C-alpha cells in the first residue's frame, strides 16, 4: 500500500471521540496518524495500519513526483 504524508484515511473502527478520519503525519516502519476529531496522535506498525484502513478520503502530495518534476 502506498502511503504519503498528509493522506486522510478512514479506519474500520471509530476512535472513542467518535471520528473515523485520521491524517498521516509520520512514515517509516511505523505509521504516525492524528485523529481529525480530537487531534490525538497514535503510532501503528505499518502492517496493522494497512489492515485497519478502509478508504483514502484524500491523498497527500507524493514527494517522488515533486522531486522528479524539477529535475531535467
C-alpha atoms as a PDB file:
ATOM      1  CA  UNK A   1       0.000   0.000   0.000  1.00  0.00           C
ATOM      2  CA  UNK A   2       1.388   3.388  -0.964  1.00  0.00           C
ATOM      3  CA  UNK A   3       1.000   5.962   1.825  1.00  0.00           C
ATOM      4  CA  UNK A   4       2.096   9.617   1.760  1.00  0.00           C
ATOM      5  CA  UNK A   5       2.322  12.370   4.356  1.00  0.00           C
ATOM      6  CA  UNK A   6      -0.924  14.289   4.508  1.00  0.00           C
ATOM      7  CA  UNK A   7      -3.143  11.397   3.383  1.00  0.00           C
ATOM      8  CA  UNK A   8      -6.514  11.365   5.135  1.00  0.00           C
ATOM      9  CA  UNK A   9      -7.793   7.844   5.771  1.00  0.00           C
ATOM     10  CA  UNK A  10     -10.964   6.282   7.148  1.00  0.00           C
ATOM     11  CA  UNK A  11     -10.306   3.435   9.576  1.00  0.00           C
ATOM     12  CA  UNK A  12     -12.608   0.462  10.140  1.00  0.00           C
ATOM     13  CA  UNK A  13     -13.403   1.300  13.773  1.00  0.00           C
ATOM     14  CA  UNK A  14     -14.140   4.745  15.124  1.00  0.00           C
ATOM     15  CA  UNK A  15     -11.987   6.488  17.699  1.00  0.00           C
ATOM     16  CA  UNK A  16     -13.537   6.932  21.179  1.00  0.00           C
ATOM     17  CA  UNK A  17     -14.094  10.625  20.313  1.00  0.00           C
ATOM     18  CA  UNK A  18     -16.428   9.464  17.514  1.00  0.00           C
ATOM     19  CA  UNK A  19     -14.269  10.293  14.480  1.00  0.00           C
ATOM     20  CA  UNK A  20     -13.347   7.807  11.735  1.00  0.00           C
ATOM     21  CA  UNK A  21     -10.940  10.175   9.944  1.00  0.00           C
ATOM     22  CA  UNK A  22      -7.173  10.193  10.516  1.00  0.00           C
ATOM     23  CA  UNK A  23      -4.319  12.132   8.895  1.00  0.00           C
ATOM     24  CA  UNK A  24      -0.916  10.525   8.220  1.00  0.00           C
ATOM     25  CA  UNK A  25       1.780  12.578   9.987  1.00  0.00           C
ATOM     26  CA  UNK A  26       4.760  10.163  10.060  1.00  0.00           C
ATOM     27  CA  UNK A  27       6.081   7.486   7.700  1.00  0.00           C
ATOM     28  CA  UNK A  28       8.524   4.652   8.218  1.00  0.00           C
ATOM     29  CA  UNK A  29       8.295   1.138   9.629  1.00  0.00           C
ATOM     30  CA  UNK A  30       5.611   2.643  11.870  1.00  0.00           C
ATOM     31  CA  UNK A  31       2.909   4.997  10.608  1.00  0.00           C
ATOM     32  CA  UNK A  32       2.007   8.019  12.718  1.00  0.00           C
ATOM     33  CA  UNK A  33      -1.605   9.168  12.428  1.00  0.00           C
ATOM     34  CA  UNK A  34      -3.546  12.034  14.030  1.00  0.00           C
ATOM     35  CA  UNK A  35      -7.283  11.906  14.756  1.00  0.00           C
ATOM     36  CA  UNK A  36      -9.126  14.638  12.845  1.00  0.00           C
ATOM     37  CA  UNK A  37     -11.683  14.889  15.661  1.00  0.00           C
ATOM     38  CA  UNK A  38      -9.610  15.309  18.828  1.00  0.00           C
ATOM     39  CA  UNK A  39      -6.033  15.656  17.438  1.00  0.00           C
ATOM     40  CA  UNK A  40      -4.778  12.583  19.379  1.00  0.00           C
ATOM     41  CA  UNK A  41      -1.645  11.058  17.810  1.00  0.00           C
ATOM     42  CA  UNK A  42      -1.129   7.302  17.507  1.00  0.00           C
ATOM     43  CA  UNK A  43       1.807   5.283  16.192  1.00  0.00           C
ATOM     44  CA  UNK A  44       0.902   1.973  14.486  1.00  0.00           C
ATOM     45  CA  UNK A  45       3.101  -0.680  12.879  1.00  0.00           C
ATOM     46  CA  UNK A  46       2.742  -0.416   9.086  1.00  0.00           C
ATOM     47  CA  UNK A  47       1.156  -3.868   8.834  1.00  0.00           C
ATOM     48  CA  UNK A  48      -1.515  -3.008  11.437  1.00  0.00           C
ATOM     49  CA  UNK A  49      -2.202   0.331   9.732  1.00  0.00           C
ATOM     50  CA  UNK A  50      -2.711  -1.369   6.351  1.00  0.00           C
ATOM     51  CA  UNK A  51      -5.201  -3.828   7.877  1.00  0.00           C
ATOM     52  CA  UNK A  52      -7.215  -1.063   9.572  1.00  0.00           C
ATOM     53  CA  UNK A  53      -7.520   1.329   6.609  1.00  0.00           C
ATOM     54  CA  UNK A  54     -10.936   1.197   4.979  1.00  0.00           C
ATOM     55  CA  UNK A  55     -10.561   4.033   2.439  1.00  0.00           C
ATOM     56  CA  UNK A  56      -8.455   7.029   1.451  1.00  0.00           C
ATOM     57  CA  UNK A  57     -10.556  10.196   1.740  1.00  0.00           C
ATOM     58  CA  UNK A  58      -7.887  12.485   0.278  1.00  0.00           C
ATOM     59  CA  UNK A  59      -4.323  11.967  -0.816  1.00  0.00           C
ATOM     60  CA  UNK A  60      -1.293  13.963   0.289  1.00  0.00           C
ATOM     61  CA  UNK A  61       1.446  15.051  -2.079  1.00  0.00           C
ATOM     62  CA  UNK A  62       3.801  12.404  -3.474  1.00  0.00           C
ATOM     63  CA  UNK A  63       7.344  13.691  -2.794  1.00  0.00           C
ATOM     64  CA  UNK A  64       8.896  11.499  -5.516  1.00  0.00           C
ATOM     65  CA  UNK A  65       6.740  13.141  -8.191  1.00  0.00           C
ATOM     66  CA  UNK A  66       7.562  16.639  -6.991  1.00  0.00           C
ATOM     67  CA  UNK A  67      11.325  15.988  -6.814  1.00  0.00           C
ATOM     68  CA  UNK A  68      11.358  14.347 -10.261  1.00  0.00           C
ATOM     69  CA  UNK A  69       9.392  17.163 -11.891  1.00  0.00           C
ATOM     70  CA  UNK A  70      12.034  19.764 -11.027  1.00  0.00           C
ATOM     71  CA  UNK A  71      14.987  17.810 -12.411  1.00  0.00           C
ATOM     72  CA  UNK A  72      15.986  17.592 -16.065  1.00  0.00           C
END
